[in-house]
N, C-alpha and C. Protein backbone atom coordinates (compact mmCIF):
# COMPACT_ATOMS: atom_id res chain seq x y z
N MET A 1 31.75 108.94 12.54
CA MET A 1 31.83 107.73 11.75
C MET A 1 32.87 107.80 10.63
N ARG A 2 33.57 106.69 10.41
CA ARG A 2 34.61 106.67 9.44
C ARG A 2 34.74 105.26 8.90
N VAL A 3 34.89 105.03 7.71
CA VAL A 3 35.24 103.73 7.15
C VAL A 3 36.37 104.00 6.14
N SER A 4 37.51 103.31 6.43
CA SER A 4 38.68 103.57 5.60
C SER A 4 39.62 102.38 5.61
N SER A 5 40.53 102.33 4.68
CA SER A 5 41.54 101.32 4.66
C SER A 5 42.68 101.72 5.60
N SER A 6 43.23 100.75 6.32
CA SER A 6 44.35 101.03 7.19
C SER A 6 45.66 101.51 6.44
N LEU A 7 45.63 101.07 5.13
CA LEU A 7 46.71 101.53 4.27
C LEU A 7 46.66 102.99 3.95
N ASP A 8 45.54 103.64 4.11
CA ASP A 8 45.37 105.07 3.82
C ASP A 8 45.69 105.91 5.01
N ILE A 9 46.05 105.34 6.16
CA ILE A 9 46.37 106.09 7.42
C ILE A 9 47.83 106.27 7.57
N LYS A 10 48.26 107.39 7.93
CA LYS A 10 49.69 107.78 7.97
C LYS A 10 50.49 106.78 8.95
N VAL A 11 51.63 106.39 8.47
CA VAL A 11 52.50 105.56 9.21
C VAL A 11 53.48 106.48 9.98
N GLU A 12 53.61 106.31 11.34
CA GLU A 12 54.50 107.12 12.06
C GLU A 12 55.58 106.24 12.75
N GLN A 13 56.77 106.81 12.78
CA GLN A 13 57.88 106.07 13.54
C GLN A 13 57.57 106.13 15.08
N VAL A 14 57.74 105.10 15.75
CA VAL A 14 57.64 105.19 17.24
C VAL A 14 58.92 105.83 17.66
N LYS A 15 58.75 107.09 18.32
CA LYS A 15 60.00 107.85 18.67
C LYS A 15 60.31 107.75 20.13
N MET A 16 59.55 106.93 20.90
CA MET A 16 59.88 106.87 22.36
C MET A 16 61.32 106.19 22.47
N GLU A 17 62.00 106.79 23.45
CA GLU A 17 63.37 106.24 23.64
C GLU A 17 63.29 104.77 24.00
N GLY A 18 64.16 103.98 23.42
CA GLY A 18 64.17 102.54 23.58
C GLY A 18 63.41 101.72 22.61
N ALA A 19 62.85 102.35 21.60
CA ALA A 19 62.13 101.63 20.52
C ALA A 19 63.08 101.47 19.31
N LYS A 20 62.94 100.34 18.62
CA LYS A 20 63.73 100.03 17.46
C LYS A 20 62.93 99.39 16.36
N GLY A 21 62.93 99.93 15.18
CA GLY A 21 62.29 99.37 14.04
C GLY A 21 60.75 99.23 14.23
N ALA A 22 60.18 100.25 14.84
CA ALA A 22 58.74 100.19 15.23
C ALA A 22 57.96 101.41 14.52
N THR A 23 56.81 101.08 13.93
CA THR A 23 55.96 102.05 13.41
C THR A 23 54.55 101.83 13.93
N VAL A 24 53.72 102.93 13.88
CA VAL A 24 52.34 102.88 14.34
C VAL A 24 51.42 103.62 13.37
N ARG A 25 50.23 103.15 13.24
CA ARG A 25 49.12 103.81 12.54
C ARG A 25 47.99 103.99 13.63
N TRP A 26 47.56 105.11 13.83
CA TRP A 26 46.43 105.46 14.62
C TRP A 26 45.13 105.19 13.97
N LEU A 27 44.58 103.98 13.98
CA LEU A 27 43.49 103.61 13.07
C LEU A 27 42.18 104.33 13.49
N ILE A 28 41.94 104.41 14.89
CA ILE A 28 40.78 105.13 15.35
C ILE A 28 41.22 105.75 16.62
N SER A 29 40.82 107.06 16.74
CA SER A 29 41.28 107.79 17.99
C SER A 29 40.27 108.94 18.34
N GLN A 30 40.60 109.73 19.25
CA GLN A 30 39.65 110.80 19.60
C GLN A 30 39.46 111.73 18.37
N VAL A 31 40.47 111.84 17.60
CA VAL A 31 40.26 112.76 16.31
C VAL A 31 39.14 112.27 15.46
N ASP A 32 38.82 110.98 15.56
CA ASP A 32 37.68 110.37 14.81
C ASP A 32 36.38 110.56 15.55
N GLY A 33 36.44 110.98 16.80
CA GLY A 33 35.23 111.06 17.61
C GLY A 33 34.96 109.91 18.56
N ALA A 34 35.99 108.97 18.60
CA ALA A 34 35.93 107.82 19.44
C ALA A 34 35.99 108.29 20.98
N PRO A 35 34.94 108.10 21.78
CA PRO A 35 34.85 108.71 23.03
C PRO A 35 35.68 107.86 24.11
N ASN A 36 35.99 106.62 23.94
CA ASN A 36 36.61 105.87 24.94
C ASN A 36 37.96 105.27 24.73
N PHE A 37 38.13 104.70 23.48
CA PHE A 37 39.24 103.91 23.18
C PHE A 37 39.95 104.35 21.87
N ALA A 38 41.27 104.03 21.79
CA ALA A 38 42.02 104.31 20.55
C ALA A 38 42.46 102.90 20.08
N MET A 39 42.39 102.69 18.74
CA MET A 39 42.90 101.46 18.11
C MET A 39 44.12 101.82 17.30
N ARG A 40 45.22 101.17 17.59
CA ARG A 40 46.45 101.44 16.90
C ARG A 40 46.98 100.15 16.23
N MET A 41 47.69 100.27 15.07
CA MET A 41 48.33 99.10 14.54
C MET A 41 49.86 99.36 14.53
N PHE A 42 50.53 98.47 15.16
CA PHE A 42 52.00 98.57 15.28
C PHE A 42 52.59 97.54 14.32
N GLU A 43 53.76 97.90 13.75
CA GLU A 43 54.60 96.97 12.97
C GLU A 43 55.97 97.05 13.56
N LEU A 44 56.58 95.91 13.86
CA LEU A 44 58.00 95.79 14.28
C LEU A 44 58.70 95.02 13.23
N GLU A 45 59.78 95.56 12.63
CA GLU A 45 60.53 94.84 11.71
C GLU A 45 61.30 93.71 12.43
N PRO A 46 61.88 92.75 11.75
CA PRO A 46 62.71 91.69 12.50
C PRO A 46 63.76 92.32 13.32
N GLU A 47 63.82 91.80 14.52
CA GLU A 47 64.71 92.30 15.59
C GLU A 47 64.25 93.66 16.12
N GLY A 48 63.08 94.19 15.80
CA GLY A 48 62.55 95.38 16.29
C GLY A 48 61.79 95.24 17.62
N TYR A 49 61.61 96.33 18.35
CA TYR A 49 60.89 96.23 19.66
C TYR A 49 60.37 97.58 20.09
N SER A 50 59.38 97.49 20.91
CA SER A 50 58.78 98.65 21.54
C SER A 50 59.69 99.00 22.82
N PRO A 51 59.64 100.18 23.27
CA PRO A 51 60.39 100.51 24.48
C PRO A 51 59.93 99.61 25.66
N LEU A 52 60.79 99.36 26.57
CA LEU A 52 60.44 98.72 27.87
C LEU A 52 59.93 99.86 28.72
N HIS A 53 58.65 99.79 29.07
CA HIS A 53 58.00 100.94 29.76
C HIS A 53 56.74 100.46 30.59
N THR A 54 56.21 101.51 31.34
CA THR A 54 55.01 101.34 32.04
C THR A 54 54.15 102.56 31.70
N HIS A 55 52.81 102.38 32.00
CA HIS A 55 51.91 103.59 31.93
C HIS A 55 50.67 103.17 32.76
N PRO A 56 49.84 104.09 33.09
CA PRO A 56 48.76 103.83 33.95
C PRO A 56 47.43 103.29 33.31
N TYR A 57 47.49 102.80 32.12
CA TYR A 57 46.38 102.21 31.36
C TYR A 57 46.74 100.89 30.84
N GLU A 58 45.74 100.03 30.57
CA GLU A 58 45.95 98.69 30.01
C GLU A 58 46.22 98.75 28.50
N HIS A 59 46.80 97.63 28.05
CA HIS A 59 46.96 97.35 26.63
C HIS A 59 46.11 96.13 26.32
N GLU A 60 45.38 96.03 25.22
CA GLU A 60 44.79 94.96 24.71
C GLU A 60 45.20 94.75 23.32
N ALA A 61 45.96 93.66 23.03
CA ALA A 61 46.57 93.46 21.70
C ALA A 61 46.14 92.18 21.06
N TYR A 62 46.14 92.23 19.63
CA TYR A 62 45.70 91.07 18.86
C TYR A 62 46.81 91.04 17.87
N ILE A 63 47.42 89.82 17.71
CA ILE A 63 48.55 89.67 16.78
C ILE A 63 48.07 89.20 15.42
N LEU A 64 48.29 90.07 14.42
CA LEU A 64 47.84 89.92 13.09
C LEU A 64 48.79 89.12 12.17
N GLU A 65 50.09 89.34 12.32
CA GLU A 65 51.12 88.67 11.57
C GLU A 65 52.37 88.50 12.43
N GLY A 66 53.13 87.45 12.18
CA GLY A 66 54.51 87.28 12.69
C GLY A 66 54.49 86.64 14.13
N GLU A 67 55.56 86.76 14.77
CA GLU A 67 55.78 86.10 16.05
C GLU A 67 56.73 86.99 16.87
N GLY A 68 56.63 86.80 18.23
CA GLY A 68 57.49 87.59 19.07
C GLY A 68 57.35 87.24 20.48
N VAL A 69 57.83 88.03 21.42
CA VAL A 69 57.63 87.83 22.82
C VAL A 69 57.21 89.12 23.45
N LEU A 70 56.41 88.87 24.58
CA LEU A 70 56.04 89.95 25.39
C LEU A 70 56.99 89.92 26.60
N VAL A 71 57.69 90.88 26.87
CA VAL A 71 58.56 91.02 28.09
C VAL A 71 57.68 91.62 29.07
N TYR A 72 57.35 90.90 30.14
CA TYR A 72 56.40 91.40 31.15
C TYR A 72 56.95 91.07 32.54
N GLU A 73 57.27 92.19 33.28
CA GLU A 73 57.82 92.01 34.60
C GLU A 73 58.93 91.03 34.78
N GLY A 74 59.86 91.10 33.77
CA GLY A 74 61.12 90.41 33.81
C GLY A 74 61.06 89.02 33.17
N LYS A 75 59.90 88.55 32.63
CA LYS A 75 59.77 87.28 32.05
C LYS A 75 59.36 87.42 30.56
N GLU A 76 59.58 86.44 29.76
CA GLU A 76 59.26 86.54 28.29
C GLU A 76 58.10 85.50 28.05
N TYR A 77 57.11 85.97 27.34
CA TYR A 77 55.98 85.11 26.91
C TYR A 77 55.89 85.13 25.41
N LYS A 78 56.06 83.97 24.80
CA LYS A 78 56.01 83.83 23.38
C LYS A 78 54.53 84.06 22.80
N PHE A 79 54.42 84.59 21.60
CA PHE A 79 53.19 84.65 20.96
C PHE A 79 53.34 84.59 19.45
N LYS A 80 52.35 84.41 18.73
CA LYS A 80 52.35 84.38 17.32
C LYS A 80 50.98 84.81 16.72
N LYS A 81 50.84 84.77 15.41
CA LYS A 81 49.56 85.16 14.83
C LYS A 81 48.45 84.58 15.50
N ASP A 82 47.34 85.33 15.57
CA ASP A 82 46.07 85.06 16.22
C ASP A 82 46.12 84.94 17.67
N TYR A 83 47.25 85.27 18.40
CA TYR A 83 47.21 85.35 19.82
C TYR A 83 46.68 86.69 20.34
N CYS A 84 46.12 86.61 21.52
CA CYS A 84 45.59 87.87 22.22
C CYS A 84 46.56 88.13 23.45
N VAL A 85 46.87 89.41 23.68
CA VAL A 85 47.73 89.79 24.71
C VAL A 85 47.04 90.87 25.60
N PHE A 86 47.04 90.66 26.90
CA PHE A 86 46.50 91.61 27.80
C PHE A 86 47.61 92.13 28.73
N VAL A 87 47.92 93.41 28.81
CA VAL A 87 48.91 93.92 29.76
C VAL A 87 48.13 94.92 30.72
N PRO A 88 48.12 94.60 32.05
CA PRO A 88 47.39 95.41 32.99
C PRO A 88 48.20 96.78 33.12
N PRO A 89 47.45 97.78 33.70
CA PRO A 89 48.11 99.05 33.95
C PRO A 89 49.33 98.92 34.91
N ASP A 90 50.25 99.80 34.70
CA ASP A 90 51.37 99.98 35.63
C ASP A 90 52.38 98.77 35.64
N LYS A 91 52.42 98.00 34.63
CA LYS A 91 53.31 96.82 34.61
C LYS A 91 54.34 97.04 33.52
N LEU A 92 55.63 96.75 33.95
CA LEU A 92 56.71 96.97 32.97
C LEU A 92 56.65 95.86 31.83
N HIS A 93 56.63 96.40 30.63
CA HIS A 93 56.48 95.52 29.54
C HIS A 93 57.09 96.07 28.21
N GLN A 94 57.18 95.12 27.25
CA GLN A 94 57.89 95.42 25.96
C GLN A 94 57.36 94.38 24.88
N PHE A 95 57.18 94.71 23.69
CA PHE A 95 56.93 93.73 22.62
C PHE A 95 58.18 93.68 21.75
N LYS A 96 58.54 92.40 21.46
CA LYS A 96 59.75 92.25 20.62
C LYS A 96 59.40 91.22 19.42
N ASN A 97 59.93 91.52 18.32
CA ASN A 97 59.80 90.64 17.18
C ASN A 97 60.96 89.70 17.18
N THR A 98 60.66 88.47 17.29
CA THR A 98 61.67 87.43 17.32
C THR A 98 61.69 86.56 16.01
N GLY A 99 60.85 87.01 15.09
CA GLY A 99 60.76 86.16 13.78
C GLY A 99 61.59 86.82 12.76
N THR A 100 61.48 86.32 11.57
CA THR A 100 62.23 86.79 10.35
C THR A 100 61.37 87.67 9.42
N THR A 101 60.07 87.88 9.80
CA THR A 101 59.19 88.73 9.00
C THR A 101 58.61 89.83 9.92
N SER A 102 57.90 90.70 9.34
CA SER A 102 57.26 91.83 10.12
C SER A 102 56.29 91.19 11.21
N LEU A 103 56.30 91.83 12.38
CA LEU A 103 55.39 91.48 13.42
C LEU A 103 54.32 92.68 13.41
N LYS A 104 53.03 92.32 13.18
CA LYS A 104 52.01 93.30 13.07
C LYS A 104 50.98 92.97 14.15
N PHE A 105 50.54 94.04 14.95
CA PHE A 105 49.48 93.77 15.91
C PHE A 105 48.65 95.06 16.12
N LEU A 106 47.36 94.75 16.44
CA LEU A 106 46.51 95.78 16.89
C LEU A 106 46.65 96.05 18.44
N CYS A 107 46.52 97.18 18.83
CA CYS A 107 46.70 97.59 20.20
C CYS A 107 45.55 98.57 20.66
N LEU A 108 44.72 98.21 21.55
CA LEU A 108 43.71 99.05 21.98
C LEU A 108 44.04 99.65 23.40
N ILE A 109 43.77 100.96 23.48
CA ILE A 109 44.09 101.64 24.86
C ILE A 109 42.91 102.56 25.11
N PRO A 110 42.66 102.78 26.37
CA PRO A 110 41.63 103.83 26.67
C PRO A 110 42.15 105.18 26.60
N HIS A 111 41.29 106.17 26.29
CA HIS A 111 41.74 107.53 26.25
C HIS A 111 41.95 107.99 27.57
N PRO A 112 42.85 108.92 27.83
CA PRO A 112 43.11 109.48 29.23
C PRO A 112 41.86 110.07 29.76
N LYS A 113 41.70 109.94 31.06
CA LYS A 113 40.55 110.58 31.76
C LYS A 113 40.75 112.03 31.89
N PRO A 114 39.78 112.90 31.80
CA PRO A 114 39.94 114.30 31.85
C PRO A 114 40.26 114.72 33.37
């Protein structure tokens, strides 16, 4: 069990190749004893983006601030504050900030299976 401010959690640069102006805070993870899911908060500065990538697990995202596009399988889908985004496993995707302010979103992922 843990109750804390997200502002007290370490901010890390997203170091995956192809990312620009992206940071992440691991809000809840296996380190906290969470058995199934991790909750992360990403921030993309204006013109920032996550890498264009795939992985074998889903993303469930909730947009807290800003606006952007989800690049998904070669098409772009606009979103803004209060939108929900679901990315199925093994699909090519990328989050891009298209606004003039920070894009902030929560992203939940399952922990890897042993």
